[in-house]
Amino acid sequence: MLELLAPAGSPEAVTAAVQAGADAVYLGYGDFNARRNAKNFSLEELAAAVSYCHVRGAKVFLTLNTLVSDRELPAAARTAAEAAEAGVDAVLIQDLGVLRMLRQVAPRLAVHGSTQLTVHSLDGVRRCAELGMARVVLSTARLTRTFVFYYITFALSRPFFKTLQIPLSSGSYSPASREALD
């Protein structure tokens, strides 16, 4: 199944993305996301975005994808708990310490590996699946057609691994080279 996932840096961007056909949006809330240059969302705006998306059949993924120090972990846990309470569908992470924290504060919340996690090998994908991640956004650093082929083969053979996101903007893979995967 193909999924259209769009970034949403503001409530207006959420509306535009969903009206344009996005199946899911990812957005920032709080201080622990790599979308700091975006407007990001207040808790009220986050709850409204989740409601808007869910009514229209779209999902909302929270970016909690920065490295978090031990001192910052309690605040990150509050952010995650608030987002889970607001109804986000998943959290994108970079820091494996955040993964452990999420299992404690929001155990039913799906976790996706962010591109900042820099997974670029089949072993990395396997490890993320073993850690319970439902999705990995691959790093574009070493993305080649061969890697894409193995990633897709692995993901399709694992029912527990729901999706593997491949950044198509990478110079190493383009729709024109897709026939190598068919």
C-alpha atoms as a PDB file:
ATOM      1  CA  MET A   1       0.000   0.000   0.000  1.00  0.00           C
ATOM      2  CA  LEU A   2       1.308   3.402  -0.941  1.00  0.00           C
ATOM      3  CA  GLU A   3       1.003   6.111   1.697  1.00  0.00           C
ATOM      4  CA  LEU A   4       1.306   9.824   1.087  1.00  0.00           C
ATOM      5  CA  LEU A   5       2.991  11.347   4.138  1.00  0.00           C
ATOM      6  CA  ALA A   6       3.341  15.132   4.295  1.00  0.00           C
ATOM      7  CA  PRO A   7       5.151  17.503   6.644  1.00  0.00           C
ATOM      8  CA  ALA A   8       2.911  19.984   8.427  1.00  0.00           C
ATOM      9  CA  GLY A   9       4.564  22.947  10.075  1.00  0.00           C
ATOM     10  CA  SER A  10       1.332  24.714  10.992  1.00  0.00           C
ATOM     11  CA  PRO A  11      -2.391  24.035  11.404  1.00  0.00           C
ATOM     12  CA  GLU A  12      -2.946  25.501   7.941  1.00  0.00           C
ATOM     13  CA  ALA A  13      -0.412  23.051   6.506  1.00  0.00           C
ATOM     14  CA  VAL A  14      -2.301  20.142   8.121  1.00  0.00           C
ATOM     15  CA  THR A  15      -5.506  21.261   6.424  1.00  0.00           C
ATOM     16  CA  ALA A  16      -3.778  21.739   3.086  1.00  0.00           C
ATOM     17  CA  ALA A  17      -2.024  18.368   3.237  1.00  0.00           C
ATOM     18  CA  VAL A  18      -5.165  16.415   4.111  1.00  0.00           C
ATOM     19  CA  GLN A  19      -7.263  18.272   1.528  1.00  0.00           C
ATOM     20  CA  ALA A  20      -4.568  17.471  -1.058  1.00  0.00           C
ATOM     21  CA  GLY A  21      -4.880  13.766  -0.275  1.00  0.00           C
ATOM     22  CA  ALA A  22      -2.239  13.050   2.379  1.00  0.00           C
ATOM     23  CA  ASP A  23      -2.829   9.804   4.236  1.00  0.00           C
ATOM     24  CA  ALA A  24      -0.753  11.072   7.155  1.00  0.00           C
ATOM     25  CA  VAL A  25       1.076  14.171   8.344  1.00  0.00           C
ATOM     26  CA  TYR A  26       4.071  14.582  10.586  1.00  0.00           C
ATOM     27  CA  LEU A  27       4.451  17.590  12.810  1.00  0.00           C
ATOM     28  CA  GLY A  28       6.319  19.028  15.747  1.00  0.00           C
ATOM     29  CA  TYR A  29       5.026  19.734  19.224  1.00  0.00           C
ATOM     30  CA  GLY A  30       7.235  20.748  22.108  1.00  0.00           C
ATOM     31  CA  ASP A  31      10.967  21.280  22.205  1.00  0.00           C
ATOM     32  CA  PHE A  32      12.250  17.864  21.168  1.00  0.00           C
ATOM     33  CA  ASN A  33      11.847  17.742  17.420  1.00  0.00           C
ATOM     34  CA  ALA A  34      13.982  18.438  14.392  1.00  0.00           C
ATOM     35  CA  ARG A  35      11.218  20.659  13.003  1.00  0.00           C
ATOM     36  CA  ARG A  36      12.267  23.622  15.160  1.00  0.00           C
ATOM     37  CA  ASN A  37      12.282  25.964  12.152  1.00  0.00           C
ATOM     38  CA  ALA A  38       8.596  25.248  11.622  1.00  0.00           C
ATOM     39  CA  LYS A  39       5.937  27.063  13.654  1.00  0.00           C
ATOM     40  CA  ASN A  40       5.138  23.845  15.522  1.00  0.00           C
ATOM     41  CA  PHE A  41       1.957  23.311  17.486  1.00  0.00           C
ATOM     42  CA  SER A  42       0.550  24.209  20.859  1.00  0.00           C
ATOM     43  CA  LEU A  43      -1.214  21.412  22.734  1.00  0.00           C
ATOM     44  CA  GLU A  44      -4.591  22.804  21.673  1.00  0.00           C
ATOM     45  CA  GLU A  45      -3.508  22.997  18.028  1.00  0.00           C
ATOM     46  CA  LEU A  46      -2.122  19.449  18.217  1.00  0.00           C
ATOM     47  CA  ALA A  47      -5.425  18.103  19.576  1.00  0.00           C
ATOM     48  CA  ALA A  48      -7.335  19.997  16.875  1.00  0.00           C
ATOM     49  CA  ALA A  49      -5.008  18.654  14.154  1.00  0.00           C
ATOM     50  CA  VAL A  50      -5.453  15.080  15.390  1.00  0.00           C
ATOM     51  CA  SER A  51      -9.230  15.485  15.438  1.00  0.00           C
ATOM     52  CA  TYR A  52      -9.262  17.066  11.972  1.00  0.00           C
ATOM     53  CA  CYS A  53      -7.092  14.304  10.522  1.00  0.00           C
ATOM     54  CA  HIS A  54      -8.854  11.382  12.189  1.00  0.00           C
ATOM     55  CA  VAL A  55     -12.302  12.549  11.083  1.00  0.00           C
ATOM     56  CA  ARG A  56     -10.947  12.518   7.520  1.00  0.00           C
ATOM     57  CA  GLY A  57      -9.145   9.182   7.806  1.00  0.00           C
ATOM     58  CA  ALA A  58      -5.622  10.598   8.015  1.00  0.00           C
ATOM     59  CA  LYS A  59      -2.995   9.823  10.655  1.00  0.00           C
ATOM     60  CA  VAL A  60      -0.807  12.157  12.677  1.00  0.00           C
ATOM     61  CA  PHE A  61       2.828  11.365  13.476  1.00  0.00           C
ATOM     62  CA  LEU A  62       4.686  13.415  16.086  1.00  0.00           C
ATOM     63  CA  THR A  63       8.351  14.192  15.513  1.00  0.00           C
ATOM     64  CA  LEU A  64      10.170  13.609  18.801  1.00  0.00           C
ATOM     65  CA  ASN A  65      13.387  13.123  16.899  1.00  0.00           C
ATOM     66  CA  THR A  66      16.221  14.949  18.612  1.00  0.00           C
ATOM     67  CA  LEU A  67      18.817  13.664  21.025  1.00  0.00           C
ATOM     68  CA  VAL A  68      17.562  14.093  24.578  1.00  0.00           C
ATOM     69  CA  SER A  69      19.835  14.470  27.607  1.00  0.00           C
ATOM     70  CA  ASP A  70      19.092  12.769  30.914  1.00  0.00           C
ATOM     71  CA  ARG A  71      18.162  16.188  32.326  1.00  0.00           C
ATOM     72  CA  GLU A  72      15.655  16.737  29.482  1.00  0.00           C
ATOM     73  CA  LEU A  73      14.059  13.278  29.634  1.00  0.00           C
ATOM     74  CA  PRO A  74      11.259  14.185  32.102  1.00  0.00           C
ATOM     75  CA  ALA A  75      10.140  17.084  29.877  1.00  0.00           C
ATOM     76  CA  ALA A  76      10.303  14.831  26.799  1.00  0.00           C
ATOM     77  CA  ALA A  77       8.196  12.259  28.668  1.00  0.00           C
ATOM     78  CA  ARG A  78       5.573  14.932  29.417  1.00  0.00           C
ATOM     79  CA  THR A  79       5.553  15.949  25.750  1.00  0.00           C
ATOM     80  CA  ALA A  80       5.078  12.316  24.682  1.00  0.00           C
ATOM     81  CA  ALA A  81       2.329  11.694  27.240  1.00  0.00           C
ATOM     82  CA  GLU A  82       0.472  14.843  26.159  1.00  0.00           C
ATOM     83  CA  ALA A  83       0.758  13.846  22.496  1.00  0.00           C
ATOM     84  CA  ALA A  84      -0.468  10.327  23.235  1.00  0.00           C
ATOM     85  CA  GLU A  85      -3.395  11.772  25.172  1.00  0.00           C
ATOM     86  CA  ALA A  86      -4.154  14.043  22.208  1.00  0.00           C
ATOM     87  CA  GLY A  87      -4.390  10.906  20.049  1.00  0.00           C
ATOM     88  CA  VAL A  88      -1.317  10.992  17.795  1.00  0.00           C
ATOM     89  CA  ASP A  89      -0.882   7.742  15.887  1.00  0.00           C
ATOM     90  CA  ALA A  90       2.888   7.390  16.162  1.00  0.00           C
ATOM     91  CA  VAL A  91       6.077   9.099  17.249  1.00  0.00           C
ATOM     92  CA  LEU A  92       9.206   9.448  15.094  1.00  0.00           C
ATOM     93  CA  ILE A  93      12.369   9.123  17.197  1.00  0.00           C
ATOM     94  CA  GLN A  94      16.118   9.468  16.864  1.00  0.00           C
ATOM     95  CA  ASP A  95      17.221   8.711  20.415  1.00  0.00           C
ATOM     96  CA  LEU A  96      16.939   5.114  21.638  1.00  0.00           C
ATOM     97  CA  GLY A  97      16.627   6.444  25.185  1.00  0.00           C
ATOM     98  CA  VAL A  98      13.429   8.144  24.025  1.00  0.00           C
ATOM     99  CA  LEU A  99      12.220   4.769  22.723  1.00  0.00           C
ATOM    100  CA  ARG A 100      12.653   3.275  26.196  1.00  0.00           C
ATOM    101  CA  MET A 101      10.897   6.258  27.784  1.00  0.00           C
ATOM    102  CA  LEU A 102       7.993   5.952  25.314  1.00  0.00           C
ATOM    103  CA  ARG A 103       7.494   2.309  26.305  1.00  0.00           C
ATOM    104  CA  GLN A 104       6.988   3.541  29.879  1.00  0.00           C
ATOM    105  CA  VAL A 105       4.782   6.611  29.345  1.00  0.00           C
ATOM    106  CA  ALA A 106       2.839   5.578  26.210  1.00  0.00           C
ATOM    107  CA  PRO A 107       3.280   1.814  25.708  1.00  0.00           C
ATOM    108  CA  ARG A 108       0.591   1.493  23.012  1.00  0.00           C
ATOM    109  CA  LEU A 109       1.900   4.339  20.878  1.00  0.00           C
ATOM    110  CA  ALA A 110       3.541   3.204  17.627  1.00  0.00           C
ATOM    111  CA  VAL A 111       7.187   4.202  17.221  1.00  0.00           C
ATOM    112  CA  HIS A 112       8.899   5.026  13.925  1.00  0.00           C
ATOM    113  CA  GLY A 113      12.622   5.454  13.423  1.00  0.00           C
ATOM    114  CA  SER A 114      13.317   8.941  12.073  1.00  0.00           C
ATOM    115  CA  THR A 115      15.778   9.662   9.286  1.00  0.00           C
ATOM    116  CA  GLN A 116      17.898  11.248  12.041  1.00  0.00           C
ATOM    117  CA  LEU A 117      18.367   7.722  13.424  1.00  0.00           C
ATOM    118  CA  THR A 118      20.527   7.224  10.282  1.00  0.00           C
ATOM    119  CA  VAL A 119      19.490   3.667   9.523  1.00  0.00           C
ATOM    120  CA  HIS A 120      21.018   2.751   6.181  1.00  0.00           C
ATOM    121  CA  SER A 121      21.576  -1.000   6.294  1.00  0.00           C
ATOM    122  CA  LEU A 122      19.473  -4.120   6.426  1.00  0.00           C
ATOM    123  CA  ASP A 123      20.955  -4.924   9.835  1.00  0.00           C
ATOM    124  CA  GLY A 124      19.797  -1.504  11.060  1.00  0.00           C
ATOM    125  CA  VAL A 125      16.284  -2.150   9.778  1.00  0.00           C
ATOM    126  CA  ARG A 126      16.244  -5.559  11.471  1.00  0.00           C
ATOM    127  CA  ARG A 127      17.431  -4.067  14.756  1.00  0.00           C
ATOM    128  CA  CYS A 128      14.745  -1.386  14.652  1.00  0.00           C
ATOM    129  CA  ALA A 129      12.107  -4.073  14.080  1.00  0.00           C
ATOM    130  CA  GLU A 130      13.522  -6.087  16.985  1.00  0.00           C
ATOM    131  CA  LEU A 131      13.257  -2.977  19.172  1.00  0.00           C
ATOM    132  CA  GLY A 132       9.576  -2.733  18.275  1.00  0.00           C
ATOM    133  CA  MET A 133       9.584   0.029  15.693  1.00  0.00           C
ATOM    134  CA  ALA A 134       6.759  -0.227  13.177  1.00  0.00           C
ATOM    135  CA  ARG A 135       8.489   1.943  10.552  1.00  0.00           C
ATOM    136  CA  VAL A 136      11.908   3.278   9.678  1.00  0.00           C
ATOM    137  CA  VAL A 137      12.594   6.327   7.556  1.00  0.00           C
ATOM    138  CA  LEU A 138      15.829   5.398   5.835  1.00  0.00           C
ATOM    139  CA  SER A 139      18.832   7.660   5.843  1.00  0.00           C
ATOM    140  CA  THR A 140      19.681   8.868   2.378  1.00  0.00           C
ATOM    141  CA  ALA A 141      23.420   8.748   3.080  1.00  0.00           C
ATOM    142  CA  ARG A 142      23.943   5.328   1.447  1.00  0.00           C
ATOM    143  CA  LEU A 143      20.658   4.677  -0.284  1.00  0.00           C
ATOM    144  CA  THR A 144      21.183   2.696  -3.481  1.00  0.00           C
ATOM    145  CA  ARG A 145      18.900   0.561  -5.621  1.00  0.00           C
ATOM    146  CA  THR A 146      20.446  -2.574  -4.118  1.00  0.00           C
ATOM    147  CA  PHE A 147      19.724  -1.375  -0.582  1.00  0.00           C
ATOM    148  CA  VAL A 148      16.167  -0.404  -1.568  1.00  0.00           C
ATOM    149  CA  PHE A 149      15.586  -3.860  -3.035  1.00  0.00           C
ATOM    150  CA  TYR A 150      16.765  -5.615   0.136  1.00  0.00           C
ATOM    151  CA  TYR A 151      14.815  -3.261   2.398  1.00  0.00           C
ATOM    152  CA  ILE A 152      11.607  -3.843   0.477  1.00  0.00           C
ATOM    153  CA  THR A 153      12.167  -7.601   0.372  1.00  0.00           C
ATOM    154  CA  PHE A 154      12.774  -7.664   4.139  1.00  0.00           C
ATOM    155  CA  ALA A 155       9.829  -5.412   5.007  1.00  0.00           C
ATOM    156  CA  LEU A 156       7.367  -7.341   2.850  1.00  0.00           C
ATOM    157  CA  SER A 157       8.416 -10.632   4.412  1.00  0.00           C
ATOM    158  CA  ARG A 158       7.776  -9.385   7.968  1.00  0.00           C
ATOM    159  CA  PRO A 159       4.116  -8.868   8.836  1.00  0.00           C
ATOM    160  CA  PHE A 160       5.047  -7.112  12.087  1.00  0.00           C
ATOM    161  CA  PHE A 161       7.067  -4.515  10.219  1.00  0.00           C
ATOM    162  CA  LYS A 162       4.258  -2.431   8.777  1.00  0.00           C
ATOM    163  CA  THR A 163       6.086   0.016   6.553  1.00  0.00           C
ATOM    164  CA  LEU A 164       9.459   0.999   5.367  1.00  0.00           C
ATOM    165  CA  GLN A 165       9.745   4.568   4.255  1.00  0.00           C
ATOM    166  CA  ILE A 166      12.185   5.268   1.468  1.00  0.00           C
ATOM    167  CA  PRO A 167      13.001   8.917   0.796  1.00  0.00           C
ATOM    168  CA  LEU A 168      12.503   9.183  -2.958  1.00  0.00           C
ATOM    169  CA  SER A 169      14.231  12.537  -3.067  1.00  0.00           C
ATOM    170  CA  SER A 170      17.593  10.816  -2.681  1.00  0.00           C
ATOM    171  CA  GLY A 171      19.857  11.106  -5.686  1.00  0.00           C
ATOM    172  CA  SER A 172      20.561   7.372  -5.445  1.00  0.00           C
ATOM    173  CA  TYR A 173      17.016   6.281  -6.217  1.00  0.00           C
ATOM    174  CA  SER A 174      14.459   7.748  -8.531  1.00  0.00           C
ATOM    175  CA  PRO A 175      11.177   6.577 -10.040  1.00  0.00           C
ATOM    176  CA  ALA A 176      13.023   6.146 -13.352  1.00  0.00           C
ATOM    177  CA  SER A 177      15.226   3.486 -11.748  1.00  0.00           C
ATOM    178  CA  ARG A 178      12.256   1.625 -10.269  1.00  0.00           C
ATOM    179  CA  GLU A 179      12.278  -1.037 -12.996  1.00  0.00           C
ATOM    180  CA  ALA A 180      15.362  -2.492 -11.311  1.00  0.00           C
ATOM    181  CA  LEU A 181      13.122  -3.369  -8.378  1.00  0.00           C
ATOM    182  CA  ASP A 182      10.307  -4.946 -10.418  1.00  0.00           C
END
